[in-house]
Amino acid sequence: MAYDIKFKQRVLEYRGEGHTFKDTCKTFKISETSLIKWMEKEKEGKLEEVKVRVRKPKKICPEKLVEYINKKPDAYLIEISEEFDCSTTAVIKALKKLKITRKKRPLHTKNNVLKK
């Protein structure tokens, strides 16, 4: 959970007023680790810096996957995964998001008709 900068400053002010380490953590309901990190960042002057999360790009572009499936509808998952340089599980998940099924067998087969 990311805390607001004003909250962090208030916690550090409270600690600076002479309250104990454990008392500060109990009062503001934060972990001791968070308080230690905030104190270290305050000494360095980096308390107000915000970390920006960098996400890795998706390996499989949905448009390219749909295009590939349209060109080669009978391609095996292994072939698709080699084309996009990823695992077969990643291909399965991408296809599931696109609501594309890889099942080749029709619903009404000879075996299903005989069972009824």
PDB file of N, CA and C in Angstrom:
ATOM      1  N   MET A   1       0.844  -1.179   0.000  1.00  0.00           N
ATOM      2  CA  MET A   1       0.000   0.000   0.000  1.00  0.00           C
ATOM      3  C   MET A   1       0.883   1.233   0.000  1.00  0.00           C
ATOM      4  N   ALA A   2       0.590   2.178  -0.830  1.00  0.00           N
ATOM      5  CA  ALA A   2       1.354   3.416  -0.912  1.00  0.00           C
ATOM      6  C   ALA A   2       0.735   4.433   0.043  1.00  0.00           C
ATOM      7  N   TYR A   3       1.584   5.046   0.861  1.00  0.00           N
ATOM      8  CA  TYR A   3       1.119   6.048   1.810  1.00  0.00           C
ATOM      9  C   TYR A   3       1.317   7.440   1.230  1.00  0.00           C
ATOM     10  N   ASP A   4       0.443   8.367   1.626  1.00  0.00           N
ATOM     11  CA  ASP A   4       0.526   9.755   1.203  1.00  0.00           C
ATOM     12  C   ASP A   4       1.751  10.414   1.838  1.00  0.00           C
ATOM     13  N   ILE A   5       2.331  11.362   1.139  1.00  0.00           N
ATOM     14  CA  ILE A   5       3.543  12.036   1.629  1.00  0.00           C
ATOM     15  C   ILE A   5       3.248  12.796   2.919  1.00  0.00           C
ATOM     16  N   LYS A   6       2.067  13.420   3.001  1.00  0.00           N
ATOM     17  CA  LYS A   6       1.703  14.155   4.222  1.00  0.00           C
ATOM     18  C   LYS A   6       1.616  13.215   5.421  1.00  0.00           C
ATOM     19  N   PHE A   7       1.110  12.007   5.184  1.00  0.00           N
ATOM     20  CA  PHE A   7       1.026  11.017   6.250  1.00  0.00           C
ATOM     21  C   PHE A   7       2.416  10.628   6.729  1.00  0.00           C
ATOM     22  N   LYS A   8       3.315  10.401   5.788  1.00  0.00           N
ATOM     23  CA  LYS A   8       4.688  10.042   6.145  1.00  0.00           C
ATOM     24  C   LYS A   8       5.344  11.153   6.959  1.00  0.00           C
ATOM     25  N   GLN A   9       5.145  12.397   6.541  1.00  0.00           N
ATOM     26  CA  GLN A   9       5.725  13.524   7.254  1.00  0.00           C
ATOM     27  C   GLN A   9       5.156  13.631   8.670  1.00  0.00           C
ATOM     28  N   ARG A  10       3.852  13.411   8.811  1.00  0.00           N
ATOM     29  CA  ARG A  10       3.216  13.467  10.132  1.00  0.00           C
ATOM     30  C   ARG A  10       3.769  12.380  11.049  1.00  0.00           C
ATOM     31  N   VAL A  11       3.962  11.193  10.509  1.00  0.00           N
ATOM     32  CA  VAL A  11       4.520  10.084  11.300  1.00  0.00           C
ATOM     33  C   VAL A  11       5.925  10.441  11.775  1.00  0.00           C
ATOM     34  N   LEU A  12       6.736  10.984  10.891  1.00  0.00           N
ATOM     35  CA  LEU A  12       8.103  11.348  11.251  1.00  0.00           C
ATOM     36  C   LEU A  12       8.138  12.513  12.239  1.00  0.00           C
ATOM     37  N   GLU A  13       7.189  13.456  12.129  1.00  0.00           N
ATOM     38  CA  GLU A  13       7.089  14.541  13.107  1.00  0.00           C
ATOM     39  C   GLU A  13       6.732  13.984  14.484  1.00  0.00           C
ATOM     40  N   TYR A  14       5.788  13.044  14.500  1.00  0.00           N
ATOM     41  CA  TYR A  14       5.350  12.410  15.750  1.00  0.00           C
ATOM     42  C   TYR A  14       6.532  11.700  16.410  1.00  0.00           C
ATOM     43  N   ARG A  15       7.306  11.010  15.599  1.00  0.00           N
ATOM     44  CA  ARG A  15       8.502  10.307  16.112  1.00  0.00           C
ATOM     45  C   ARG A  15       9.522  11.320  16.635  1.00  0.00           C
ATOM     46  N   GLY A  16       9.650  12.449  15.940  1.00  0.00           N
ATOM     47  CA  GLY A  16      10.595  13.488  16.333  1.00  0.00           C
ATOM     48  C   GLY A  16      10.204  14.224  17.604  1.00  0.00           C
ATOM     49  N   GLU A  17       8.940  14.166  17.973  1.00  0.00           N
ATOM     50  CA  GLU A  17       8.459  14.818  19.205  1.00  0.00           C
ATOM     51  C   GLU A  17       8.878  14.063  20.456  1.00  0.00           C
ATOM     52  N   GLY A  18       9.513  12.931  20.280  1.00  0.00           N
ATOM     53  CA  GLY A  18      10.029  12.189  21.421  1.00  0.00           C
ATOM     54  C   GLY A  18       9.291  10.896  21.727  1.00  0.00           C
ATOM     55  N   HIS A  19       8.382  10.524  20.881  1.00  0.00           N
ATOM     56  CA  HIS A  19       7.651   9.269  21.097  1.00  0.00           C
ATOM     57  C   HIS A  19       8.535   8.092  20.706  1.00  0.00           C
ATOM     58  N   THR A  20       8.280   6.968  21.349  1.00  0.00           N
ATOM     59  CA  THR A  20       9.100   5.791  21.075  1.00  0.00           C
ATOM     60  C   THR A  20       8.790   5.219  19.702  1.00  0.00           C
ATOM     61  N   PHE A  21       9.702   4.376  19.273  1.00  0.00           N
ATOM     62  CA  PHE A  21       9.596   3.745  17.959  1.00  0.00           C
ATOM     63  C   PHE A  21       8.338   2.881  17.889  1.00  0.00           C
ATOM     64  N   LYS A  22       8.135   2.030  18.888  1.00  0.00           N
ATOM     65  CA  LYS A  22       6.985   1.111  18.896  1.00  0.00           C
ATOM     66  C   LYS A  22       5.675   1.866  19.079  1.00  0.00           C
ATOM     67  N   ASP A  23       5.714   2.922  19.888  1.00  0.00           N
ATOM     68  CA  ASP A  23       4.517   3.726  20.113  1.00  0.00           C
ATOM     69  C   ASP A  23       4.069   4.399  18.809  1.00  0.00           C
ATOM     70  N   THR A  24       5.034   4.887  18.040  1.00  0.00           N
ATOM     71  CA  THR A  24       4.731   5.527  16.755  1.00  0.00           C
ATOM     72  C   THR A  24       4.082   4.529  15.806  1.00  0.00           C
ATOM     73  N   CYS A  25       4.634   3.326  15.742  1.00  0.00           N
ATOM     74  CA  CYS A  25       4.087   2.290  14.850  1.00  0.00           C
ATOM     75  C   CYS A  25       2.680   1.894  15.261  1.00  0.00           C
ATOM     76  N   LYS A  26       2.434   1.764  16.580  1.00  0.00           N
ATOM     77  CA  LYS A  26       1.101   1.395  17.061  1.00  0.00           C
ATOM     78  C   LYS A  26       0.091   2.495  16.796  1.00  0.00           C
ATOM     79  N   THR A  27       0.490   3.741  17.036  1.00  0.00           N
ATOM     80  CA  THR A  27      -0.420   4.866  16.875  1.00  0.00           C
ATOM     81  C   THR A  27      -0.891   5.009  15.434  1.00  0.00           C
ATOM     82  N   PHE A  28       0.033   4.898  14.496  1.00  0.00           N
ATOM     83  CA  PHE A  28      -0.306   5.098  13.090  1.00  0.00           C
ATOM     84  C   PHE A  28      -0.596   3.797  12.347  1.00  0.00           C
ATOM     85  N   LYS A  29      -0.498   2.672  13.055  1.00  0.00           N
ATOM     86  CA  LYS A  29      -0.786   1.346  12.485  1.00  0.00           C
ATOM     87  C   LYS A  29       0.045   1.085  11.225  1.00  0.00           C
ATOM     88  N   ILE A  30       1.347   1.255  11.363  1.00  0.00           N
ATOM     89  CA  ILE A  30       2.278   0.971  10.270  1.00  0.00           C
ATOM     90  C   ILE A  30       3.309  -0.036  10.766  1.00  0.00           C
ATOM     91  N   SER A  31       4.013  -0.652   9.834  1.00  0.00           N
ATOM     92  CA  SER A  31       5.031  -1.628  10.221  1.00  0.00           C
ATOM     93  C   SER A  31       6.322  -0.902  10.594  1.00  0.00           C
ATOM     94  N   GLU A  32       7.119  -1.578  11.379  1.00  0.00           N
ATOM     95  CA  GLU A  32       8.404  -1.016  11.786  1.00  0.00           C
ATOM     96  C   GLU A  32       9.319  -0.831  10.578  1.00  0.00           C
ATOM     97  N   THR A  33       9.226  -1.743   9.619  1.00  0.00           N
ATOM     98  CA  THR A  33      10.033  -1.659   8.408  1.00  0.00           C
ATOM     99  C   THR A  33       9.728  -0.380   7.641  1.00  0.00           C
ATOM    100  N   SER A  34       8.446  -0.045   7.530  1.00  0.00           N
ATOM    101  CA  SER A  34       8.064   1.180   6.823  1.00  0.00           C
ATOM    102  C   SER A  34       8.651   2.406   7.505  1.00  0.00           C
ATOM    103  N   LEU A  35       8.553   2.454   8.821  1.00  0.00           N
ATOM    104  CA  LEU A  35       9.080   3.601   9.575  1.00  0.00           C
ATOM    105  C   LEU A  35      10.588   3.730   9.395  1.00  0.00           C
ATOM    106  N   ILE A  36      11.292   2.620   9.429  1.00  0.00           N
ATOM    107  CA  ILE A  36      12.751   2.644   9.244  1.00  0.00           C
ATOM    108  C   ILE A  36      13.092   3.180   7.854  1.00  0.00           C
ATOM    109  N   LYS A  37      12.391   2.688   6.838  1.00  0.00           N
ATOM    110  CA  LYS A  37      12.650   3.142   5.468  1.00  0.00           C
ATOM    111  C   LYS A  37      12.379   4.632   5.325  1.00  0.00           C
ATOM    112  N   TRP A  38      11.277   5.103   5.930  1.00  0.00           N
ATOM    113  CA  TRP A  38      10.939   6.516   5.834  1.00  0.00           C
ATOM    114  C   TRP A  38      11.987   7.383   6.530  1.00  0.00           C
ATOM    115  N   MET A  39      12.489   6.904   7.665  1.00  0.00           N
ATOM    116  CA  MET A  39      13.515   7.657   8.394  1.00  0.00           C
ATOM    117  C   MET A  39      14.799   7.752   7.572  1.00  0.00           C
ATOM    118  N   GLU A  40      15.164   6.650   6.923  1.00  0.00           N
ATOM    119  CA  GLU A  40      16.363   6.639   6.079  1.00  0.00           C
ATOM    120  C   GLU A  40      16.190   7.569   4.873  1.00  0.00           C
ATOM    121  N   LYS A  41      15.009   7.537   4.253  1.00  0.00           N
ATOM    122  CA  LYS A  41      14.751   8.396   3.102  1.00  0.00           C
ATOM    123  C   LYS A  41      14.738   9.867   3.503  1.00  0.00           C
ATOM    124  N   GLU A  42      14.258  10.143   4.713  1.00  0.00           N
ATOM    125  CA  GLU A  42      14.234  11.530   5.178  1.00  0.00           C
ATOM    126  C   GLU A  42      15.664  12.051   5.381  1.00  0.00           C
ATOM    127  N   LYS A  43      16.537  11.211   5.889  1.00  0.00           N
ATOM    128  CA  LYS A  43      17.945  11.603   6.072  1.00  0.00           C
ATOM    129  C   LYS A  43      18.604  11.897   4.725  1.00  0.00           C
ATOM    130  N   GLU A  44      18.258  11.112   3.703  1.00  0.00           N
ATOM    131  CA  GLU A  44      18.818  11.295   2.362  1.00  0.00           C
ATOM    132  C   GLU A  44      18.127  12.431   1.603  1.00  0.00           C
ATOM    133  N   GLY A  45      16.976  12.895   2.112  1.00  0.00           N
ATOM    134  CA  GLY A  45      16.222  13.944   1.435  1.00  0.00           C
ATOM    135  C   GLY A  45      15.397  13.426   0.276  1.00  0.00           C
ATOM    136  N   LYS A  46      15.072  12.143   0.294  1.00  0.00           N
ATOM    137  CA  LYS A  46      14.326  11.520  -0.805  1.00  0.00           C
ATOM    138  C   LYS A  46      12.942  11.043  -0.384  1.00  0.00           C
ATOM    139  N   LEU A  47      12.412  11.593   0.697  1.00  0.00           N
ATOM    140  CA  LEU A  47      11.121  11.138   1.215  1.00  0.00           C
ATOM    141  C   LEU A  47       9.990  11.396   0.227  1.00  0.00           C
ATOM    142  N   GLU A  48      10.054  12.483  -0.508  1.00  0.00           N
ATOM    143  CA  GLU A  48       8.972  12.862  -1.405  1.00  0.00           C
ATOM    144  C   GLU A  48       9.060  12.202  -2.780  1.00  0.00           C
ATOM    145  N   GLU A  49      10.116  11.444  -3.030  1.00  0.00           N
ATOM    146  CA  GLU A  49      10.234  10.747  -4.311  1.00  0.00           C
ATOM    147  C   GLU A  49       9.230   9.609  -4.384  1.00  0.00           C
ATOM    148  N   VAL A  50       8.638   9.463  -5.531  1.00  0.00           N
ATOM    149  CA  VAL A  50       7.644   8.409  -5.735  1.00  0.00           C
ATOM    150  C   VAL A  50       8.201   7.414  -6.742  1.00  0.00           C
ATOM    151  N   LYS A  51       8.116   6.140  -6.399  1.00  0.00           N
ATOM    152  CA  LYS A  51       8.565   5.096  -7.319  1.00  0.00           C
ATOM    153  C   LYS A  51       7.521   4.887  -8.408  1.00  0.00           C
ATOM    154  N   VAL A  52       7.984   4.810  -9.611  1.00  0.00           N
ATOM    155  CA  VAL A  52       7.095   4.536 -10.743  1.00  0.00           C
ATOM    156  C   VAL A  52       7.320   3.095 -11.162  1.00  0.00           C
ATOM    157  N   ARG A  53       6.246   2.337 -11.180  1.00  0.00           N
ATOM    158  CA  ARG A  53       6.349   0.931 -11.572  1.00  0.00           C
ATOM    159  C   ARG A  53       6.504   0.832 -13.077  1.00  0.00           C
ATOM    160  N   VAL A  54       7.444   0.025 -13.474  1.00  0.00           N
ATOM    161  CA  VAL A  54       7.658  -0.211 -14.894  1.00  0.00           C
ATOM    162  C   VAL A  54       7.224  -1.641 -15.199  1.00  0.00           C
ATOM    163  N   ARG A  55       6.251  -1.760 -16.059  1.00  0.00           N
ATOM    164  CA  ARG A  55       5.760  -3.086 -16.420  1.00  0.00           C
ATOM    165  C   ARG A  55       6.427  -3.551 -17.694  1.00  0.00           C
ATOM    166  N   LYS A  56       6.658  -4.830 -17.749  1.00  0.00           N
ATOM    167  CA  LYS A  56       7.231  -5.410 -18.956  1.00  0.00           C
ATOM    168  C   LYS A  56       6.169  -5.418 -20.051  1.00  0.00           C
ATOM    169  N   PRO A  57       6.582  -5.194 -21.274  1.00  0.00           N
ATOM    170  CA  PRO A  57       5.591  -5.246 -22.361  1.00  0.00           C
ATOM    171  C   PRO A  57       5.098  -6.677 -22.560  1.00  0.00           C
ATOM    172  N   LYS A  58       3.865  -6.776 -23.016  1.00  0.00           N
ATOM    173  CA  LYS A  58       3.313  -8.104 -23.272  1.00  0.00           C
ATOM    174  C   LYS A  58       4.043  -8.727 -24.444  1.00  0.00           C
ATOM    175  N   LYS A  59       4.286 -10.022 -24.336  1.00  0.00           N
ATOM    176  CA  LYS A  59       5.009 -10.710 -25.401  1.00  0.00           C
ATOM    177  C   LYS A  59       4.151 -10.911 -26.634  1.00  0.00           C
ATOM    178  N   ILE A  60       2.870 -11.109 -26.423  1.00  0.00           N
ATOM    179  CA  ILE A  60       2.003 -11.419 -27.543  1.00  0.00           C
ATOM    180  C   ILE A  60       1.075 -10.237 -27.807  1.00  0.00           C
ATOM    181  N   CYS A  61       1.217  -9.635 -28.955  1.00  0.00           N
ATOM    182  CA  CYS A  61       0.338  -8.546 -29.371  1.00  0.00           C
ATOM    183  C   CYS A  61      -0.971  -9.177 -29.857  1.00  0.00           C
ATOM    184  N   PRO A  62      -2.102  -8.806 -29.270  1.00  0.00           N
ATOM    185  CA  PRO A  62      -3.374  -9.441 -29.651  1.00  0.00           C
ATOM    186  C   PRO A  62      -3.701  -9.333 -31.142  1.00  0.00           C
ATOM    187  N   GLU A  63      -3.403  -8.180 -31.745  1.00  0.00           N
ATOM    188  CA  GLU A  63      -3.716  -8.003 -33.161  1.00  0.00           C
ATOM    189  C   GLU A  63      -2.897  -8.965 -34.020  1.00  0.00           C
ATOM    190  N   LYS A  64      -1.615  -9.100 -33.681  1.00  0.00           N
ATOM    191  CA  LYS A  64      -0.744  -9.992 -34.450  1.00  0.00           C
ATOM    192  C   LYS A  64      -1.159 -11.451 -34.261  1.00  0.00           C
ATOM    193  N   LEU A  65      -1.606 -11.783 -33.048  1.00  0.00           N
ATOM    194  CA  LEU A  65      -2.049 -13.156 -32.786  1.00  0.00           C
ATOM    195  C   LEU A  65      -3.290 -13.481 -33.617  1.00  0.00           C
ATOM    196  N   VAL A  66      -4.247 -12.589 -33.650  1.00  0.00           N
ATOM    197  CA  VAL A  66      -5.457 -12.808 -34.446  1.00  0.00           C
ATOM    198  C   VAL A  66      -5.107 -12.936 -35.921  1.00  0.00           C
ATOM    199  N   GLU A  67      -4.193 -12.085 -36.384  1.00  0.00           N
ATOM    200  CA  GLU A  67      -3.749 -12.138 -37.779  1.00  0.00           C
ATOM    201  C   GLU A  67      -3.089 -13.479 -38.091  1.00  0.00           C
ATOM    202  N   TYR A  68      -2.236 -13.948 -37.171  1.00  0.00           N
ATOM    203  CA  TYR A  68      -1.545 -15.234 -37.358  1.00  0.00           C
ATOM    204  C   TYR A  68      -2.553 -16.381 -37.396  1.00  0.00           C
ATOM    205  N   ILE A  69      -3.540 -16.352 -36.494  1.00  0.00           N
ATOM    206  CA  ILE A  69      -4.559 -17.412 -36.435  1.00  0.00           C
ATOM    207  C   ILE A  69      -5.382 -17.414 -37.727  1.00  0.00           C
ATOM    208  N   ASN A  70      -5.679 -16.233 -38.248  1.00  0.00           N
ATOM    209  CA  ASN A  70      -6.442 -16.162 -39.498  1.00  0.00           C
ATOM    210  C   ASN A  70      -5.651 -16.721 -40.677  1.00  0.00           C
ATOM    211  N   LYS A  71      -4.331 -16.484 -40.676  1.00  0.00           N
ATOM    212  CA  LYS A  71      -3.486 -17.012 -41.756  1.00  0.00           C
ATOM    213  C   LYS A  71      -3.298 -18.519 -41.630  1.00  0.00           C
ATOM    214  N   LYS A  72      -3.065 -18.977 -40.404  1.00  0.00           N
ATOM    215  CA  LYS A  72      -2.801 -20.399 -40.165  1.00  0.00           C
ATOM    216  C   LYS A  72      -3.755 -20.930 -39.087  1.00  0.00           C
ATOM    217  N   PRO A  73      -4.989 -21.224 -39.438  1.00  0.00           N
ATOM    218  CA  PRO A  73      -5.964 -21.674 -38.442  1.00  0.00           C
ATOM    219  C   PRO A  73      -5.667 -23.059 -37.866  1.00  0.00           C
ATOM    220  N   ASP A  74      -4.887 -23.854 -38.571  1.00  0.00           N
ATOM    221  CA  ASP A  74      -4.583 -25.199 -38.086  1.00  0.00           C
ATOM    222  C   ASP A  74      -3.249 -25.285 -37.347  1.00  0.00           C
ATOM    223  N   ALA A  75      -2.667 -24.168 -37.010  1.00  0.00           N
ATOM    224  CA  ALA A  75      -1.363 -24.169 -36.337  1.00  0.00           C
ATOM    225  C   ALA A  75      -1.493 -24.733 -34.927  1.00  0.00           C
ATOM    226  N   TYR A  76      -0.511 -25.515 -34.540  1.00  0.00           N
ATOM    227  CA  TYR A  76      -0.456 -26.057 -33.184  1.00  0.00           C
ATOM    228  C   TYR A  76       0.014 -24.976 -32.221  1.00  0.00           C
ATOM    229  N   LEU A  77      -0.287 -25.176 -30.941  1.00  0.00           N
ATOM    230  CA  LEU A  77       0.142 -24.202 -29.929  1.00  0.00           C
ATOM    231  C   LEU A  77       1.656 -24.044 -29.917  1.00  0.00           C
ATOM    232  N   ILE A  78       2.356 -25.139 -30.120  1.00  0.00           N
ATOM    233  CA  ILE A  78       3.831 -25.095 -30.148  1.00  0.00           C
ATOM    234  C   ILE A  78       4.311 -24.189 -31.275  1.00  0.00           C
ATOM    235  N   GLU A  79       3.694 -24.307 -32.442  1.00  0.00           N
ATOM    236  CA  GLU A  79       4.085 -23.469 -33.581  1.00  0.00           C
ATOM    237  C   GLU A  79       3.817 -21.993 -33.298  1.00  0.00           C
ATOM    238  N   ILE A  80       2.675 -21.707 -32.670  1.00  0.00           N
ATOM    239  CA  ILE A  80       2.334 -20.320 -32.343  1.00  0.00           C
ATOM    240  C   ILE A  80       3.315 -19.762 -31.319  1.00  0.00           C
ATOM    241  N   SER A  81       3.648 -20.582 -30.313  1.00  0.00           N
ATOM    242  CA  SER A  81       4.575 -20.120 -29.275  1.00  0.00           C
ATOM    243  C   SER A  81       5.971 -19.869 -29.841  1.00  0.00           C
ATOM    244  N   GLU A  82       6.387 -20.671 -30.791  1.00  0.00           N
ATOM    245  CA  GLU A  82       7.691 -20.447 -31.435  1.00  0.00           C
ATOM    246  C   GLU A  82       7.664 -19.163 -32.267  1.00  0.00           C
ATOM    247  N   GLU A  83       6.545 -18.902 -32.914  1.00  0.00           N
ATOM    248  CA  GLU A  83       6.408 -17.690 -33.726  1.00  0.00           C
ATOM    249  C   GLU A  83       6.496 -16.424 -32.861  1.00  0.00           C
ATOM    250  N   PHE A  84       5.867 -16.459 -31.677  1.00  0.00           N
ATOM    251  CA  PHE A  84       5.831 -15.285 -30.814  1.00  0.00           C
ATOM    252  C   PHE A  84       6.902 -15.317 -29.717  1.00  0.00           C
ATOM    253  N   ASP A  85       7.754 -16.320 -29.735  1.00  0.00           N
ATOM    254  CA  ASP A  85       8.859 -16.446 -28.778  1.00  0.00           C
ATOM    255  C   ASP A  85       8.365 -16.393 -27.335  1.00  0.00           C
ATOM    256  N   CYS A  86       7.438 -17.293 -27.005  1.00  0.00           N
ATOM    257  CA  CYS A  86       6.911 -17.373 -25.648  1.00  0.00           C
ATOM    258  C   CYS A  86       6.497 -18.816 -25.371  1.00  0.00           C
ATOM    259  N   SER A  87       5.946 -19.042 -24.194  1.00  0.00           N
ATOM    260  CA  SER A  87       5.542 -20.394 -23.830  1.00  0.00           C
ATOM    261  C   SER A  87       4.148 -20.707 -24.379  1.00  0.00           C
ATOM    262  N   THR A  88       3.834 -21.988 -24.411  1.00  0.00           N
ATOM    263  CA  THR A  88       2.502 -22.388 -24.877  1.00  0.00           C
ATOM    264  C   THR A  88       1.426 -21.905 -23.907  1.00  0.00           C
ATOM    265  N   THR A  89       1.766 -21.830 -22.625  1.00  0.00           N
ATOM    266  CA  THR A  89       0.820 -21.334 -21.630  1.00  0.00           C
ATOM    267  C   THR A  89       0.450 -19.884 -21.920  1.00  0.00           C
ATOM    268  N   ALA A  90       1.432 -19.080 -22.311  1.00  0.00           N
ATOM    269  CA  ALA A  90       1.166 -17.682 -22.652  1.00  0.00           C
ATOM    270  C   ALA A  90       0.231 -17.589 -23.857  1.00  0.00           C
ATOM    271  N   VAL A  91       0.412 -18.487 -24.807  1.00  0.00           N
ATOM    272  CA  VAL A  91      -0.457 -18.507 -25.989  1.00  0.00           C
ATOM    273  C   VAL A  91      -1.880 -18.890 -25.579  1.00  0.00           C
ATOM    274  N   ILE A  92      -2.003 -19.895 -24.734  1.00  0.00           N
ATOM    275  CA  ILE A  92      -3.324 -20.336 -24.273  1.00  0.00           C
ATOM    276  C   ILE A  92      -4.049 -19.186 -23.580  1.00  0.00           C
ATOM    277  N   LYS A  93      -3.342 -18.483 -22.694  1.00  0.00           N
ATOM    278  CA  LYS A  93      -3.954 -17.365 -21.965  1.00  0.00           C
ATOM    279  C   LYS A  93      -4.348 -16.230 -22.901  1.00  0.00           C
ATOM    280  N   ALA A  94      -3.502 -15.934 -23.871  1.00  0.00           N
ATOM    281  CA  ALA A  94      -3.802 -14.874 -24.827  1.00  0.00           C
ATOM    282  C   ALA A  94      -5.022 -15.239 -25.672  1.00  0.00           C
ATOM    283  N   LEU A  95      -5.097 -16.490 -26.088  1.00  0.00           N
ATOM    284  CA  LEU A  95      -6.252 -16.939 -26.870  1.00  0.00           C
ATOM    285  C   LEU A  95      -7.526 -16.904 -26.036  1.00  0.00           C
ATOM    286  N   LYS A  96      -7.397 -17.246 -24.775  1.00  0.00           N
ATOM    287  CA  LYS A  96      -8.558 -17.237 -23.888  1.00  0.00           C
ATOM    288  C   LYS A  96      -9.081 -15.814 -23.712  1.00  0.00           C
ATOM    289  N   LYS A  97      -8.168 -14.837 -23.576  1.00  0.00           N
ATOM    290  CA  LYS A  97      -8.583 -13.443 -23.458  1.00  0.00           C
ATOM    291  C   LYS A  97      -9.301 -12.965 -24.713  1.00  0.00           C
ATOM    292  N   LEU A  98      -8.862 -13.462 -25.852  1.00  0.00           N
ATOM    293  CA  LEU A  98      -9.482 -13.090 -27.126  1.00  0.00           C
ATOM    294  C   LEU A  98     -10.728 -13.919 -27.441  1.00  0.00           C
ATOM    295  N   LYS A  99     -11.028 -14.861 -26.544  1.00  0.00           N
ATOM    296  CA  LYS A  99     -12.175 -15.765 -26.690  1.00  0.00           C
ATOM    297  C   LYS A  99     -12.094 -16.572 -27.982  1.00  0.00           C
ATOM    298  N   ILE A 100     -10.878 -17.051 -28.254  1.00  0.00           N
ATOM    299  CA  ILE A 100     -10.649 -17.919 -29.407  1.00  0.00           C
ATOM    300  C   ILE A 100     -10.416 -19.323 -28.882  1.00  0.00           C
ATOM    301  N   THR A 101     -11.180 -20.269 -29.359  1.00  0.00           N
ATOM    302  CA  THR A 101     -11.021 -21.645 -28.918  1.00  0.00           C
ATOM    303  C   THR A 101     -10.182 -22.410 -29.932  1.00  0.00           C
ATOM    304  N   ARG A 102      -9.404 -23.342 -29.459  1.00  0.00           N
ATOM    305  CA  ARG A 102      -8.548 -24.138 -30.324  1.00  0.00           C
ATOM    306  C   ARG A 102      -9.119 -25.543 -30.531  1.00  0.00           C
ATOM    307  N   LYS A 103     -10.314 -25.801 -30.041  1.00  0.00           N
ATOM    308  CA  LYS A 103     -10.908 -27.125 -30.184  1.00  0.00           C
ATOM    309  C   LYS A 103     -11.310 -27.354 -31.629  1.00  0.00           C
ATOM    310  N   LYS A 104     -10.933 -28.486 -32.152  1.00  0.00           N
ATOM    311  CA  LYS A 104     -11.200 -28.800 -33.558  1.00  0.00           C
ATOM    312  C   LYS A 104     -12.386 -29.742 -33.728  1.00  0.00           C
ATOM    313  N   ARG A 105     -12.751 -30.456 -32.670  1.00  0.00           N
ATOM    314  CA  ARG A 105     -13.781 -31.473 -32.777  1.00  0.00           C
ATOM    315  C   ARG A 105     -15.177 -30.842 -32.734  1.00  0.00           C
ATOM    316  N   PRO A 106     -16.037 -31.178 -33.658  1.00  0.00           N
ATOM    317  CA  PRO A 106     -17.397 -30.619 -33.643  1.00  0.00           C
ATOM    318  C   PRO A 106     -18.183 -31.121 -32.431  1.00  0.00           C
ATOM    319  N   LEU A 107     -19.194 -30.376 -32.035  1.00  0.00           N
ATOM    320  CA  LEU A 107     -19.981 -30.744 -30.858  1.00  0.00           C
ATOM    321  C   LEU A 107     -20.790 -32.018 -31.076  1.00  0.00           C
ATOM    322  N   HIS A 108     -21.389 -32.179 -32.251  1.00  0.00           N
ATOM    323  CA  HIS A 108     -22.229 -33.345 -32.525  1.00  0.00           C
ATOM    324  C   HIS A 108     -21.433 -34.370 -33.333  1.00  0.00           C
ATOM    325  N   THR A 109     -20.794 -35.249 -32.607  1.00  0.00           N
ATOM    326  CA  THR A 109     -20.023 -36.299 -33.279  1.00  0.00           C
ATOM    327  C   THR A 109     -20.779 -37.611 -33.195  1.00  0.00           C
ATOM    328  N   LYS A 110     -20.277 -38.584 -33.851  1.00  0.00           N
ATOM    329  CA  LYS A 110     -20.898 -39.900 -33.894  1.00  0.00           C
ATOM    330  C   LYS A 110     -21.002 -40.487 -32.480  1.00  0.00           C
ATOM    331  N   ASN A 111     -19.965 -40.319 -31.668  1.00  0.00           N
ATOM    332  CA  ASN A 111     -19.959 -40.875 -30.319  1.00  0.00           C
ATOM    333  C   ASN A 111     -21.023 -40.221 -29.429  1.00  0.00           C
ATOM    334  N   ASN A 112     -21.188 -38.917 -29.526  1.00  0.00           N
ATOM    335  CA  ASN A 112     -22.177 -38.214 -28.703  1.00  0.00           C
ATOM    336  C   ASN A 112     -23.597 -38.591 -29.076  1.00  0.00           C
ATOM    337  N   VAL A 113     -23.851 -38.834 -30.333  1.00  0.00           N
ATOM    338  CA  VAL A 113     -25.195 -39.189 -30.788  1.00  0.00           C
ATOM    339  C   VAL A 113     -25.564 -40.568 -30.275  1.00  0.00           C
ATOM    340  N   LEU A 114     -24.608 -41.496 -30.241  1.00  0.00           N
ATOM    341  CA  LEU A 114     -24.877 -42.860 -29.772  1.00  0.00           C
ATOM    342  C   LEU A 114     -25.139 -42.919 -28.280  1.00  0.00           C
ATOM    343  N   LYS A 115     -24.561 -42.040 -27.497  1.00  0.00           N
ATOM    344  CA  LYS A 115     -24.736 -42.050 -26.044  1.00  0.00           C
ATOM    345  C   LYS A 115     -26.151 -41.663 -25.634  1.00  0.00           C
ATOM    346  N   LYS A 116     -26.811 -40.828 -26.441  1.00  0.00           N
ATOM    347  CA  LYS A 116     -28.160 -40.359 -26.094  1.00  0.00           C
ATOM    348  C   LYS A 116     -29.133 -41.423 -26.376  1.00  0.00           C
TER     349      LYS A 116
END
